[in-house]
N, C-alpha and C. Protein backbone atom coordinates (compact mmCIF):
# COMPACT_ATOMS: atom_id res chain seq x y z
N MET A 1 -43.40 -5.42 -2.33
CA MET A 1 -42.76 -5.80 -3.88
C MET A 1 -43.36 -6.42 -4.83
N ILE A 2 -43.35 -5.78 -5.95
CA ILE A 2 -44.00 -6.09 -7.29
C ILE A 2 -43.48 -6.82 -8.17
N GLU A 3 -43.63 -8.16 -8.59
CA GLU A 3 -42.86 -8.97 -9.18
C GLU A 3 -44.00 -10.28 -9.62
N ASP A 4 -44.36 -10.51 -10.98
CA ASP A 4 -44.86 -11.50 -11.25
C ASP A 4 -44.14 -12.74 -11.27
N ASN A 5 -42.86 -13.06 -11.21
CA ASN A 5 -42.37 -13.92 -11.40
C ASN A 5 -42.26 -14.77 -10.06
N VAL A 6 -42.93 -15.97 -9.78
CA VAL A 6 -42.82 -16.40 -8.32
C VAL A 6 -41.50 -16.96 -7.76
N LEU A 7 -40.45 -17.48 -8.50
CA LEU A 7 -38.90 -17.24 -8.22
C LEU A 7 -38.66 -16.36 -7.71
N HIS A 8 -38.43 -15.23 -8.52
CA HIS A 8 -37.95 -13.96 -7.98
C HIS A 8 -38.63 -13.63 -6.66
N ARG A 9 -40.09 -13.57 -6.81
CA ARG A 9 -40.41 -13.14 -5.49
C ARG A 9 -40.22 -13.90 -4.44
N LYS A 10 -39.93 -15.25 -4.41
CA LYS A 10 -39.25 -15.80 -3.16
C LYS A 10 -38.25 -15.64 -2.84
N LEU A 11 -37.11 -15.47 -4.03
CA LEU A 11 -35.78 -15.29 -3.66
C LEU A 11 -35.62 -14.08 -2.77
N PHE A 12 -36.21 -12.90 -3.53
CA PHE A 12 -36.47 -11.57 -2.93
C PHE A 12 -36.53 -11.35 -1.84
N ALA A 13 -37.76 -11.95 -1.41
CA ALA A 13 -38.57 -11.89 -0.40
C ALA A 13 -37.31 -12.70 0.79
N ALA A 14 -36.84 -13.72 0.67
CA ALA A 14 -35.83 -14.35 1.41
C ALA A 14 -34.79 -13.69 1.87
N TRP A 15 -34.40 -12.69 0.95
CA TRP A 15 -33.50 -11.98 1.31
C TRP A 15 -33.63 -10.49 1.89
N LEU A 16 -34.75 -10.19 1.85
CA LEU A 16 -35.19 -9.22 2.65
C LEU A 16 -35.59 -9.54 4.02
N GLU A 17 -36.08 -11.02 4.11
CA GLU A 17 -36.25 -11.38 5.37
C GLU A 17 -34.95 -11.63 6.00
N LYS A 18 -33.74 -11.93 5.45
CA LYS A 18 -32.55 -12.15 5.92
C LYS A 18 -32.23 -10.73 6.50
N GLY A 19 -32.54 -9.77 5.57
CA GLY A 19 -31.88 -8.35 6.23
C GLY A 19 -33.04 -7.67 7.09
N GLY A 20 -33.70 -8.66 7.49
CA GLY A 20 -34.73 -7.90 8.80
C GLY A 20 -35.68 -6.95 8.37
N HIS A 21 -36.27 -7.51 7.00
CA HIS A 21 -37.00 -6.79 6.58
C HIS A 21 -38.61 -7.63 6.30
N ARG A 22 -39.72 -7.15 6.32
CA ARG A 22 -41.05 -7.62 6.27
C ARG A 22 -41.29 -7.60 4.99
N THR A 23 -42.14 -8.45 4.12
CA THR A 23 -42.37 -8.04 2.77
C THR A 23 -43.76 -8.55 2.76
N VAL A 24 -44.23 -7.59 1.93
CA VAL A 24 -45.69 -7.81 1.55
C VAL A 24 -45.33 -8.04 -0.08
N THR A 25 -46.02 -8.91 -0.70
CA THR A 25 -45.91 -9.21 -2.48
C THR A 25 -46.95 -8.76 -3.18
N VAL A 26 -46.69 -8.39 -4.23
CA VAL A 26 -47.98 -8.16 -5.18
C VAL A 26 -47.53 -9.06 -6.36
N ALA A 27 -48.28 -9.92 -6.50
CA ALA A 27 -47.85 -10.63 -7.96
C ALA A 27 -48.66 -9.86 -8.99
N ASP A 28 -49.76 -9.24 -8.95
CA ASP A 28 -50.39 -8.74 -9.91
C ASP A 28 -50.22 -7.19 -9.99
N GLU A 29 -49.63 -6.70 -10.94
CA GLU A 29 -49.16 -5.13 -10.94
C GLU A 29 -50.32 -4.32 -10.82
N ARG A 30 -51.40 -4.75 -11.38
CA ARG A 30 -52.56 -3.98 -11.41
C ARG A 30 -53.01 -3.42 -10.11
N MET A 31 -52.64 -4.22 -8.89
CA MET A 31 -53.08 -3.81 -7.67
C MET A 31 -52.13 -2.91 -6.75
N ALA A 32 -51.10 -3.16 -7.64
CA ALA A 32 -50.01 -2.24 -6.66
C ALA A 32 -50.12 -1.01 -6.21
N TYR A 33 -50.97 -0.19 -6.88
CA TYR A 33 -50.84 1.33 -6.31
C TYR A 33 -51.99 1.24 -5.32
N GLY A 34 -52.97 0.37 -5.15
CA GLY A 34 -54.02 0.45 -4.05
C GLY A 34 -53.32 -0.12 -3.05
N GLU A 35 -52.57 -1.22 -2.80
CA GLU A 35 -51.69 -1.84 -2.11
C GLU A 35 -50.80 -0.85 -1.43
N ALA A 36 -50.07 -0.09 -1.94
CA ALA A 36 -49.02 0.71 -1.57
C ALA A 36 -50.15 1.85 -0.70
N ALA A 37 -50.88 2.20 -1.22
CA ALA A 37 -51.70 3.45 -0.76
C ALA A 37 -52.32 2.94 0.52
N ALA A 38 -52.81 1.84 0.44
CA ALA A 38 -53.17 1.18 1.68
C ALA A 38 -52.45 1.18 2.87
N ARG A 39 -51.52 0.37 2.45
CA ARG A 39 -50.19 -0.12 3.36
C ARG A 39 -49.25 0.78 3.69
N GLN A 40 -48.77 1.77 2.71
CA GLN A 40 -47.49 2.53 3.18
C GLN A 40 -46.56 2.05 3.57
N PRO A 41 -45.99 1.20 2.74
CA PRO A 41 -44.86 0.82 3.01
C PRO A 41 -43.74 1.57 3.14
N ASP A 42 -42.45 1.10 3.70
CA ASP A 42 -41.10 1.96 3.85
C ASP A 42 -40.46 1.98 2.41
N ILE A 43 -40.78 1.10 1.73
CA ILE A 43 -40.24 1.25 0.56
C ILE A 43 -40.99 0.29 -0.48
N ILE A 44 -40.93 0.77 -1.88
CA ILE A 44 -41.20 -0.34 -2.80
C ILE A 44 -40.41 -0.81 -3.88
N ILE A 45 -40.39 -1.83 -3.84
CA ILE A 45 -39.49 -2.50 -5.08
C ILE A 45 -40.63 -3.16 -5.65
N THR A 46 -39.99 -2.38 -7.34
CA THR A 46 -40.60 -3.24 -8.50
C THR A 46 -39.99 -3.63 -9.42
N ASP A 47 -40.58 -4.70 -10.26
CA ASP A 47 -40.22 -5.50 -11.41
C ASP A 47 -40.28 -4.23 -12.68
N ILE A 48 -39.56 -4.10 -13.62
CA ILE A 48 -39.71 -3.38 -14.83
C ILE A 48 -41.16 -3.99 -15.61
N ARG A 49 -40.62 -5.39 -16.04
CA ARG A 49 -40.87 -6.20 -17.20
C ARG A 49 -42.20 -6.95 -16.67
N LEU A 50 -43.33 -6.24 -16.60
CA LEU A 50 -44.57 -6.79 -16.11
C LEU A 50 -45.43 -7.26 -17.03
N PRO A 51 -46.25 -8.20 -16.67
CA PRO A 51 -47.34 -8.67 -17.85
C PRO A 51 -48.16 -7.45 -18.22
N TYR A 52 -48.88 -7.14 -17.41
CA TYR A 52 -50.20 -6.21 -17.68
C TYR A 52 -49.77 -4.49 -18.02
N VAL A 53 -48.76 -4.33 -16.91
CA VAL A 53 -48.50 -2.63 -16.93
C VAL A 53 -46.85 -2.50 -16.90
N ASP A 54 -46.85 -1.61 -17.74
CA ASP A 54 -45.01 -1.60 -17.63
C ASP A 54 -44.77 -1.06 -16.13
N GLY A 55 -43.74 -1.65 -15.50
CA GLY A 55 -43.35 -0.95 -14.20
C GLY A 55 -42.53 0.01 -14.14
N ARG A 56 -42.19 1.01 -15.26
CA ARG A 56 -42.21 2.75 -15.58
C ARG A 56 -43.34 3.20 -14.96
N ASP A 57 -44.61 2.71 -15.50
CA ASP A 57 -45.59 3.25 -15.33
C ASP A 57 -46.28 3.35 -13.99
N ILE A 58 -45.97 1.97 -13.23
CA ILE A 58 -46.23 1.96 -12.04
C ILE A 58 -45.65 2.95 -11.33
N ILE A 59 -44.18 3.08 -11.54
CA ILE A 59 -43.31 4.24 -10.66
C ILE A 59 -44.19 5.39 -10.74
N ARG A 60 -44.42 5.92 -12.26
CA ARG A 60 -44.86 7.25 -12.43
C ARG A 60 -46.41 7.40 -11.80
N GLN A 61 -47.50 6.33 -11.78
CA GLN A 61 -48.59 6.46 -10.96
C GLN A 61 -48.20 7.09 -9.54
N LEU A 62 -47.29 6.01 -8.71
CA LEU A 62 -46.76 6.05 -7.44
C LEU A 62 -46.39 7.37 -7.18
N LYS A 63 -45.50 8.04 -7.76
CA LYS A 63 -45.03 9.26 -7.98
C LYS A 63 -45.56 10.63 -8.20
N ASN A 64 -46.80 10.22 -8.58
CA ASN A 64 -47.54 11.37 -9.06
C ASN A 64 -48.89 11.51 -8.07
N SER A 65 -48.84 10.51 -7.05
CA SER A 65 -49.91 10.63 -6.17
C SER A 65 -49.49 10.99 -4.87
N PRO A 66 -50.32 12.22 -4.14
CA PRO A 66 -49.75 12.57 -2.76
C PRO A 66 -49.99 11.37 -2.03
N LEU A 67 -50.61 10.48 -2.35
CA LEU A 67 -50.52 9.31 -1.09
C LEU A 67 -49.36 8.38 -0.95
N THR A 68 -48.65 8.65 -2.28
CA THR A 68 -47.51 7.71 -2.27
C THR A 68 -46.38 8.03 -2.67
N ARG A 69 -46.24 9.40 -2.99
CA ARG A 69 -45.10 9.88 -3.50
C ARG A 69 -43.93 10.28 -2.69
N HIS A 70 -43.94 9.93 -1.39
CA HIS A 70 -42.96 10.11 -0.30
C HIS A 70 -42.27 8.78 -0.53
N ILE A 71 -42.86 7.85 -0.88
CA ILE A 71 -42.43 6.20 -0.58
C ILE A 71 -41.26 6.27 -1.78
N PRO A 72 -39.88 5.84 -1.04
CA PRO A 72 -38.90 5.17 -1.98
C PRO A 72 -39.06 4.41 -2.99
N ILE A 73 -38.58 4.05 -4.04
CA ILE A 73 -39.00 3.12 -5.05
C ILE A 73 -37.28 2.73 -5.60
N MET A 74 -37.55 0.98 -5.60
CA MET A 74 -36.28 0.57 -5.91
C MET A 74 -36.71 -0.22 -7.25
N ALA A 75 -36.31 0.12 -8.54
CA ALA A 75 -36.66 -0.65 -9.74
C ALA A 75 -35.58 -1.74 -9.98
N ILE A 76 -36.29 -3.11 -10.45
CA ILE A 76 -34.92 -4.15 -10.22
C ILE A 76 -35.75 -4.70 -11.91
N SER A 77 -34.69 -5.05 -12.74
CA SER A 77 -35.00 -5.67 -14.08
C SER A 77 -33.92 -6.44 -14.50
N VAL A 78 -34.44 -7.30 -15.41
CA VAL A 78 -33.50 -8.04 -16.07
C VAL A 78 -32.63 -7.37 -17.20
N LEU A 79 -33.47 -6.15 -17.23
CA LEU A 79 -33.09 -5.15 -18.37
C LEU A 79 -31.72 -4.61 -17.74
N SER A 80 -30.60 -4.64 -18.31
CA SER A 80 -29.41 -3.63 -17.84
C SER A 80 -28.70 -2.64 -18.77
N GLY A 81 -29.66 -2.14 -19.42
CA GLY A 81 -28.48 -1.02 -20.60
C GLY A 81 -29.05 0.34 -19.67
N ARG A 82 -27.97 1.38 -20.10
CA ARG A 82 -28.06 2.67 -19.27
C ARG A 82 -29.27 3.19 -19.90
N GLN A 83 -29.99 3.08 -20.99
CA GLN A 83 -31.09 3.67 -21.40
C GLN A 83 -32.74 2.98 -20.25
N ASP A 84 -32.18 1.60 -19.91
CA ASP A 84 -33.21 1.19 -18.94
C ASP A 84 -33.19 1.82 -17.69
N GLU A 85 -31.89 2.20 -17.19
CA GLU A 85 -31.87 2.70 -15.85
C GLU A 85 -32.16 4.21 -15.88
N GLU A 86 -32.21 4.93 -17.13
CA GLU A 86 -32.55 6.17 -17.19
C GLU A 86 -33.87 6.44 -17.24
N SER A 87 -34.39 5.43 -17.91
CA SER A 87 -35.99 5.62 -17.97
C SER A 87 -36.64 5.08 -16.89
N CYS A 88 -36.03 4.35 -15.78
CA CYS A 88 -36.47 3.94 -14.57
C CYS A 88 -36.54 5.49 -13.75
N LYS A 89 -35.35 6.13 -13.76
CA LYS A 89 -34.97 7.16 -12.95
C LYS A 89 -36.18 8.25 -13.42
N ALA A 90 -36.08 8.34 -14.73
CA ALA A 90 -37.11 9.48 -15.27
C ALA A 90 -38.35 9.23 -14.59
N ALA A 91 -38.97 8.18 -14.76
CA ALA A 91 -40.40 7.86 -14.14
C ALA A 91 -40.36 8.14 -12.72
N GLY A 92 -39.23 8.14 -11.72
CA GLY A 92 -39.18 8.46 -10.60
C GLY A 92 -38.71 7.39 -9.67
N ALA A 93 -37.96 6.21 -10.32
CA ALA A 93 -37.77 5.59 -9.33
C ALA A 93 -36.31 6.33 -8.77
N ASP A 94 -35.88 5.52 -7.26
CA ASP A 94 -34.53 6.26 -6.39
C ASP A 94 -33.46 5.35 -7.02
N VAL A 95 -33.56 4.20 -7.21
CA VAL A 95 -32.57 3.24 -7.23
C VAL A 95 -33.05 2.46 -8.29
N PHE A 96 -32.07 2.03 -9.53
CA PHE A 96 -32.36 1.19 -10.39
C PHE A 96 -31.06 -0.24 -10.30
N VAL A 97 -31.93 -1.41 -10.11
CA VAL A 97 -30.81 -2.37 -10.00
C VAL A 97 -31.21 -3.77 -10.76
N THR A 98 -30.16 -4.49 -11.48
CA THR A 98 -30.62 -5.18 -12.27
C THR A 98 -30.82 -6.62 -11.52
N LYS A 99 -31.13 -7.84 -12.04
CA LYS A 99 -31.53 -8.92 -11.30
C LYS A 99 -30.52 -9.89 -10.82
N THR A 100 -29.29 -9.23 -11.59
CA THR A 100 -28.01 -10.25 -11.51
C THR A 100 -27.54 -9.46 -10.14
N ILE A 101 -28.21 -8.89 -9.44
CA ILE A 101 -27.46 -8.34 -8.35
C ILE A 101 -27.14 -9.43 -7.03
N ARG A 102 -26.27 -9.04 -6.37
CA ARG A 102 -26.03 -10.11 -5.35
C ARG A 102 -26.66 -9.65 -3.93
N MET A 103 -26.96 -10.78 -3.04
CA MET A 103 -27.85 -10.51 -1.96
C MET A 103 -27.31 -9.20 -1.27
N ALA A 104 -26.10 -9.03 -0.75
CA ALA A 104 -25.76 -8.11 0.12
C ALA A 104 -25.89 -6.38 -0.34
N ALA A 105 -25.72 -6.34 -1.67
CA ALA A 105 -25.96 -5.45 -2.38
C ALA A 105 -27.61 -4.81 -2.62
N PHE A 106 -28.19 -5.91 -2.92
CA PHE A 106 -29.47 -5.68 -2.75
C PHE A 106 -29.93 -5.36 -1.25
N ILE A 107 -29.64 -5.82 -0.13
CA ILE A 107 -29.93 -5.64 1.21
C ILE A 107 -29.40 -4.14 1.35
N ASP A 108 -28.25 -3.98 1.32
CA ASP A 108 -27.63 -2.50 1.20
C ASP A 108 -28.62 -1.63 0.48
N HIS A 109 -29.12 -1.80 -0.80
CA HIS A 109 -29.76 -0.80 -1.12
C HIS A 109 -31.08 -0.51 -0.47
N VAL A 110 -31.87 -1.67 -0.20
CA VAL A 110 -32.98 -1.42 0.43
C VAL A 110 -32.55 -0.90 1.87
N ALA A 111 -31.83 -1.11 2.52
CA ALA A 111 -31.39 -0.56 3.91
C ALA A 111 -31.42 1.07 3.73
N ALA A 112 -30.71 1.45 2.77
CA ALA A 112 -30.43 2.84 2.56
C ALA A 112 -31.66 3.75 2.04
N LEU A 113 -32.67 2.71 1.11
CA LEU A 113 -33.98 3.52 0.89
C LEU A 113 -34.70 3.45 2.22
N ALA A 114 -34.64 2.84 2.90
CA ALA A 114 -35.90 2.53 4.11
C ALA A 114 -35.55 3.51 5.18
N ASN A 115 -34.10 4.04 5.32
CA ASN A 115 -33.89 5.03 6.44
C ASN A 115 -33.95 6.58 6.00
């Protein structure tokens, strides 16, 4: 999970754990590709509004690499406009959700991507 906000990291990690998933978090998005390539996670959850690199650029990098293109990506953001969802999907995100999502729906999306 790529998330710069410590409170969101803790919240989403707790939700993932409750759903039976193990979480590896990356607080600095500049390290995301290296971590994903090395760890080969079942899915990647990435925030879009990050301090150093736009989340859509991270998604594009992951989807353009033969080492990580097979990994499903869920984009998560405070942004909720149709254009935001479309731009994330155009970058390669498999799913787009807003940070107002409820825990059950979040876990359902993760489970669907992990299978």
